[in-house]
Amino acid sequence: MPLSPDEGKNSWLTGTASWNFVAITQYILGVKPEYNGLAVNPSIPSAWSGFKVNRKFRGTHYNIEVKNPNNVSCGVTSLTVNGEPVDGTLIPLQAEGSTVDVVVTMG
């Protein structure tokens, strides 16, 4: 049966790609915008030793490195922002226009 003019024959043309991007970045890589900052709480395959991601959020560039030395799937044991430890998984808002280095250690 042929497709009608309002049906896409390719699911990537229907908005699926943008929802996949949201799912991957926010729920797998765990980099999620919040009101008070940028949360980082990955849920990745335990075989991954880590990953790096660059994210622009509210005019600030975040260079995020996630380390997974214990080969776990989820759980954050430490978070540092520009070398300073931060409690929890929320990176507090930083000065607009700055570049921020973040290291997340899973465990």
N, C-alpha and C. Protein backbone atom coordinates (compact mmCIF):
# COMPACT_ATOMS: atom_id res chain seq x y z
N MET A 1 0.84 -1.17 0.00
CA MET A 1 0.00 0.00 0.00
C MET A 1 0.89 1.24 0.00
N PRO A 2 0.70 2.17 -0.92
CA PRO A 2 1.53 3.37 -0.98
C PRO A 2 1.26 4.30 0.20
N LEU A 3 2.29 5.08 0.54
CA LEU A 3 2.17 6.04 1.63
C LEU A 3 1.41 7.27 1.17
N SER A 4 0.63 7.83 2.07
CA SER A 4 -0.05 9.08 1.76
C SER A 4 0.96 10.23 1.90
N PRO A 5 0.68 11.40 1.35
CA PRO A 5 1.63 12.51 1.39
C PRO A 5 2.02 12.95 2.81
N ASP A 6 1.18 12.66 3.81
CA ASP A 6 1.51 13.10 5.17
C ASP A 6 2.22 12.02 5.99
N GLU A 7 2.59 10.91 5.38
CA GLU A 7 3.30 9.85 6.08
C GLU A 7 4.76 9.82 5.61
N GLY A 8 5.66 9.82 6.56
CA GLY A 8 7.07 9.73 6.22
C GLY A 8 7.48 8.28 6.02
N LYS A 9 8.23 8.01 4.96
CA LYS A 9 8.69 6.64 4.75
C LYS A 9 9.97 6.37 5.54
N ASN A 10 10.54 7.42 6.10
CA ASN A 10 11.76 7.28 6.88
C ASN A 10 11.49 7.87 8.26
N SER A 11 11.59 7.05 9.29
CA SER A 11 11.26 7.52 10.64
C SER A 11 12.19 8.65 11.10
N TRP A 12 13.37 8.78 10.49
CA TRP A 12 14.29 9.86 10.88
C TRP A 12 13.80 11.22 10.41
N LEU A 13 12.78 11.26 9.59
CA LEU A 13 12.24 12.53 9.12
C LEU A 13 11.04 12.99 9.94
N THR A 14 10.70 12.26 10.98
CA THR A 14 9.48 12.56 11.74
C THR A 14 9.76 13.15 13.12
N GLY A 15 10.98 13.48 13.41
CA GLY A 15 11.30 13.99 14.74
C GLY A 15 11.97 12.95 15.61
N THR A 16 12.06 11.72 15.13
CA THR A 16 12.66 10.65 15.91
C THR A 16 14.12 10.93 16.23
N ALA A 17 14.85 11.52 15.30
CA ALA A 17 16.27 11.80 15.53
C ALA A 17 16.46 12.74 16.72
N SER A 18 15.64 13.76 16.83
CA SER A 18 15.79 14.69 17.94
C SER A 18 15.46 14.02 19.27
N TRP A 19 14.48 13.14 19.29
CA TRP A 19 14.16 12.44 20.53
C TRP A 19 15.25 11.44 20.88
N ASN A 20 15.87 10.81 19.88
CA ASN A 20 17.01 9.94 20.15
C ASN A 20 18.17 10.73 20.75
N PHE A 21 18.41 11.93 20.24
CA PHE A 21 19.46 12.78 20.78
C PHE A 21 19.20 13.08 22.26
N VAL A 22 17.97 13.42 22.59
CA VAL A 22 17.60 13.70 23.98
C VAL A 22 17.80 12.45 24.83
N ALA A 23 17.34 11.32 24.36
CA ALA A 23 17.47 10.07 25.12
C ALA A 23 18.93 9.71 25.36
N ILE A 24 19.75 9.84 24.34
CA ILE A 24 21.16 9.47 24.47
C ILE A 24 21.90 10.43 25.39
N THR A 25 21.75 11.74 25.17
CA THR A 25 22.53 12.70 25.96
C THR A 25 22.04 12.82 27.39
N GLN A 26 20.73 12.81 27.60
CA GLN A 26 20.20 13.05 28.94
C GLN A 26 20.02 11.79 29.77
N TYR A 27 19.71 10.67 29.14
CA TYR A 27 19.39 9.49 29.92
C TYR A 27 20.42 8.37 29.84
N ILE A 28 21.30 8.39 28.87
CA ILE A 28 22.39 7.41 28.81
C ILE A 28 23.67 8.09 29.28
N LEU A 29 24.08 9.15 28.57
CA LEU A 29 25.26 9.89 29.02
C LEU A 29 24.97 10.64 30.31
N GLY A 30 23.72 10.94 30.57
CA GLY A 30 23.31 11.52 31.85
C GLY A 30 23.57 12.99 32.02
N VAL A 31 23.80 13.72 30.94
CA VAL A 31 24.05 15.16 31.01
C VAL A 31 22.72 15.87 30.78
N LYS A 32 22.14 16.35 31.88
CA LYS A 32 20.77 16.84 31.83
C LYS A 32 20.67 18.26 32.39
N PRO A 33 20.09 19.19 31.63
CA PRO A 33 19.92 20.54 32.15
C PRO A 33 18.89 20.57 33.27
N GLU A 34 19.21 21.31 34.32
CA GLU A 34 18.31 21.52 35.45
C GLU A 34 18.19 23.02 35.69
N TYR A 35 17.28 23.43 36.52
CA TYR A 35 17.08 24.85 36.79
C TYR A 35 18.32 25.48 37.43
N ASN A 36 18.94 24.77 38.38
CA ASN A 36 20.08 25.31 39.14
C ASN A 36 21.45 24.93 38.59
N GLY A 37 21.50 24.25 37.46
CA GLY A 37 22.79 23.85 36.91
C GLY A 37 22.64 22.70 35.94
N LEU A 38 23.74 22.02 35.73
CA LEU A 38 23.79 20.91 34.78
C LEU A 38 24.06 19.62 35.57
N ALA A 39 23.13 18.69 35.52
CA ALA A 39 23.28 17.43 36.24
C ALA A 39 24.03 16.43 35.38
N VAL A 40 24.90 15.64 36.01
CA VAL A 40 25.62 14.57 35.30
C VAL A 40 25.46 13.30 36.12
N ASN A 41 24.71 12.35 35.57
CA ASN A 41 24.45 11.09 36.26
C ASN A 41 24.28 9.99 35.21
N PRO A 42 25.39 9.48 34.66
CA PRO A 42 25.32 8.52 33.54
C PRO A 42 24.72 7.18 33.92
N SER A 43 24.18 6.54 32.92
CA SER A 43 23.70 5.16 33.02
C SER A 43 24.19 4.46 31.74
N ILE A 44 25.40 3.91 31.82
CA ILE A 44 26.10 3.40 30.64
C ILE A 44 26.38 1.91 30.79
N PRO A 45 26.73 1.25 29.70
CA PRO A 45 27.16 -0.15 29.81
C PRO A 45 28.41 -0.26 30.68
N SER A 46 28.47 -1.28 31.51
CA SER A 46 29.60 -1.44 32.43
C SER A 46 30.91 -1.68 31.68
N ALA A 47 30.87 -2.08 30.44
CA ALA A 47 32.09 -2.30 29.66
C ALA A 47 32.77 -0.98 29.26
N TRP A 48 32.04 0.13 29.33
CA TRP A 48 32.62 1.42 28.97
C TRP A 48 33.56 1.88 30.07
N SER A 49 34.76 2.29 29.69
CA SER A 49 35.71 2.82 30.68
C SER A 49 35.46 4.30 30.94
N GLY A 50 34.58 4.91 30.18
CA GLY A 50 34.25 6.31 30.34
C GLY A 50 33.98 6.96 29.00
N PHE A 51 33.82 8.27 29.01
CA PHE A 51 33.60 9.02 27.79
C PHE A 51 33.82 10.50 28.07
N LYS A 52 33.90 11.26 27.01
CA LYS A 52 34.02 12.72 27.11
C LYS A 52 32.91 13.35 26.29
N VAL A 53 32.39 14.46 26.79
CA VAL A 53 31.35 15.17 26.08
C VAL A 53 31.54 16.67 26.32
N ASN A 54 31.31 17.45 25.29
CA ASN A 54 31.33 18.91 25.41
C ASN A 54 29.90 19.39 25.31
N ARG A 55 29.51 20.26 26.22
CA ARG A 55 28.12 20.73 26.27
C ARG A 55 28.11 22.24 26.51
N LYS A 56 27.34 22.94 25.71
CA LYS A 56 27.13 24.37 25.95
C LYS A 56 25.79 24.51 26.66
N PHE A 57 25.81 25.20 27.79
CA PHE A 57 24.61 25.36 28.60
C PHE A 57 24.58 26.76 29.17
N ARG A 58 23.56 27.51 28.81
CA ARG A 58 23.37 28.88 29.26
C ARG A 58 24.62 29.74 29.06
N GLY A 59 25.21 29.62 27.88
CA GLY A 59 26.34 30.45 27.49
C GLY A 59 27.68 30.01 28.05
N THR A 60 27.72 28.88 28.71
CA THR A 60 28.96 28.36 29.29
C THR A 60 29.32 27.06 28.59
N HIS A 61 30.61 26.85 28.32
CA HIS A 61 31.10 25.62 27.70
C HIS A 61 31.58 24.67 28.79
N TYR A 62 31.03 23.47 28.80
CA TYR A 62 31.41 22.45 29.77
C TYR A 62 32.15 21.33 29.05
N ASN A 63 33.37 21.07 29.48
CA ASN A 63 34.16 19.94 29.00
C ASN A 63 34.04 18.86 30.08
N ILE A 64 33.25 17.84 29.80
CA ILE A 64 32.93 16.83 30.80
C ILE A 64 33.64 15.53 30.46
N GLU A 65 34.39 15.01 31.43
CA GLU A 65 35.03 13.71 31.28
C GLU A 65 34.46 12.79 32.35
N VAL A 66 33.92 11.66 31.91
CA VAL A 66 33.37 10.67 32.83
C VAL A 66 34.32 9.49 32.85
N LYS A 67 34.75 9.11 34.05
CA LYS A 67 35.64 7.96 34.23
C LYS A 67 34.86 6.85 34.93
N ASN A 68 35.10 5.63 34.48
CA ASN A 68 34.41 4.47 35.04
C ASN A 68 35.43 3.39 35.41
N PRO A 69 36.26 3.67 36.44
CA PRO A 69 37.34 2.73 36.77
C PRO A 69 36.87 1.39 37.32
N ASN A 70 35.67 1.35 37.88
CA ASN A 70 35.16 0.11 38.50
C ASN A 70 34.18 -0.63 37.60
N ASN A 71 34.05 -0.18 36.36
CA ASN A 71 33.17 -0.83 35.37
C ASN A 71 31.76 -1.06 35.92
N VAL A 72 31.14 0.03 36.36
CA VAL A 72 29.76 -0.03 36.83
C VAL A 72 28.85 0.56 35.75
N SER A 73 27.55 0.36 35.90
CA SER A 73 26.60 0.91 34.94
C SER A 73 26.06 2.26 35.37
N CYS A 74 26.01 2.50 36.68
CA CYS A 74 25.49 3.77 37.16
C CYS A 74 26.07 4.06 38.54
N GLY A 75 25.89 5.30 38.97
CA GLY A 75 26.38 5.72 40.27
C GLY A 75 27.59 6.62 40.14
N VAL A 76 27.53 7.77 40.79
CA VAL A 76 28.63 8.74 40.76
C VAL A 76 29.25 8.80 42.14
N THR A 77 30.57 8.60 42.22
CA THR A 77 31.26 8.68 43.51
C THR A 77 31.90 10.03 43.74
N SER A 78 32.27 10.73 42.66
CA SER A 78 32.86 12.05 42.83
C SER A 78 32.63 12.91 41.60
N LEU A 79 32.61 14.22 41.85
CA LEU A 79 32.42 15.22 40.80
C LEU A 79 33.31 16.40 41.13
N THR A 80 34.15 16.80 40.18
CA THR A 80 34.97 17.99 40.37
C THR A 80 34.68 18.98 39.26
N VAL A 81 34.67 20.25 39.63
CA VAL A 81 34.45 21.34 38.69
C VAL A 81 35.66 22.25 38.79
N ASN A 82 36.42 22.33 37.69
CA ASN A 82 37.67 23.08 37.66
C ASN A 82 38.59 22.68 38.81
N GLY A 83 38.64 21.37 39.09
CA GLY A 83 39.53 20.82 40.11
C GLY A 83 38.99 20.87 41.52
N GLU A 84 37.85 21.51 41.75
CA GLU A 84 37.26 21.61 43.08
C GLU A 84 36.15 20.58 43.25
N PRO A 85 36.17 19.83 44.36
CA PRO A 85 35.10 18.84 44.56
C PRO A 85 33.74 19.48 44.77
N VAL A 86 32.71 18.81 44.25
CA VAL A 86 31.33 19.27 44.38
C VAL A 86 30.52 18.09 44.91
N ASP A 87 29.67 18.34 45.90
CA ASP A 87 28.80 17.29 46.43
C ASP A 87 27.67 17.00 45.45
N GLY A 88 27.31 15.75 45.32
CA GLY A 88 26.19 15.36 44.48
C GLY A 88 26.57 15.24 43.01
N THR A 89 25.56 15.39 42.15
CA THR A 89 25.76 15.23 40.72
C THR A 89 25.40 16.48 39.93
N LEU A 90 25.18 17.60 40.63
CA LEU A 90 24.79 18.84 39.97
C LEU A 90 25.96 19.81 39.88
N ILE A 91 26.29 20.20 38.65
CA ILE A 91 27.31 21.23 38.44
C ILE A 91 26.60 22.57 38.61
N PRO A 92 26.99 23.35 39.61
CA PRO A 92 26.33 24.65 39.80
C PRO A 92 26.54 25.55 38.59
N LEU A 93 25.63 26.48 38.39
CA LEU A 93 25.76 27.43 37.29
C LEU A 93 27.09 28.16 37.38
N GLN A 94 27.72 28.35 36.24
CA GLN A 94 29.01 29.02 36.16
C GLN A 94 28.85 30.32 35.38
N ALA A 95 29.87 31.14 35.41
CA ALA A 95 29.81 32.44 34.72
C ALA A 95 29.61 32.25 33.22
N GLU A 96 28.68 33.00 32.67
CA GLU A 96 28.40 32.93 31.25
C GLU A 96 29.65 33.31 30.46
N GLY A 97 29.93 32.56 29.40
CA GLY A 97 31.08 32.80 28.56
C GLY A 97 32.34 32.09 29.01
N SER A 98 32.29 31.42 30.15
CA SER A 98 33.47 30.72 30.65
C SER A 98 33.53 29.30 30.11
N THR A 99 34.67 28.66 30.31
CA THR A 99 34.86 27.26 29.98
C THR A 99 35.12 26.52 31.28
N VAL A 100 34.40 25.44 31.49
CA VAL A 100 34.44 24.71 32.75
C VAL A 100 34.89 23.28 32.48
N ASP A 101 35.87 22.81 33.25
CA ASP A 101 36.33 21.43 33.15
C ASP A 101 35.72 20.62 34.27
N VAL A 102 35.04 19.54 33.89
CA VAL A 102 34.33 18.70 34.86
C VAL A 102 34.85 17.27 34.75
N VAL A 103 35.12 16.66 35.89
CA VAL A 103 35.51 15.25 35.92
C VAL A 103 34.53 14.52 36.84
N VAL A 104 33.90 13.49 36.28
CA VAL A 104 32.94 12.68 37.00
C VAL A 104 33.54 11.27 37.12
N THR A 105 33.56 10.74 38.34
CA THR A 105 34.05 9.38 38.54
C THR A 105 32.87 8.53 39.00
N MET A 106 32.66 7.45 38.26
CA MET A 106 31.59 6.53 38.58
C MET A 106 32.12 5.45 39.51
N GLY A 107 31.21 4.87 40.26
CA GLY A 107 31.63 3.79 41.15
C GLY A 107 30.53 3.32 42.04
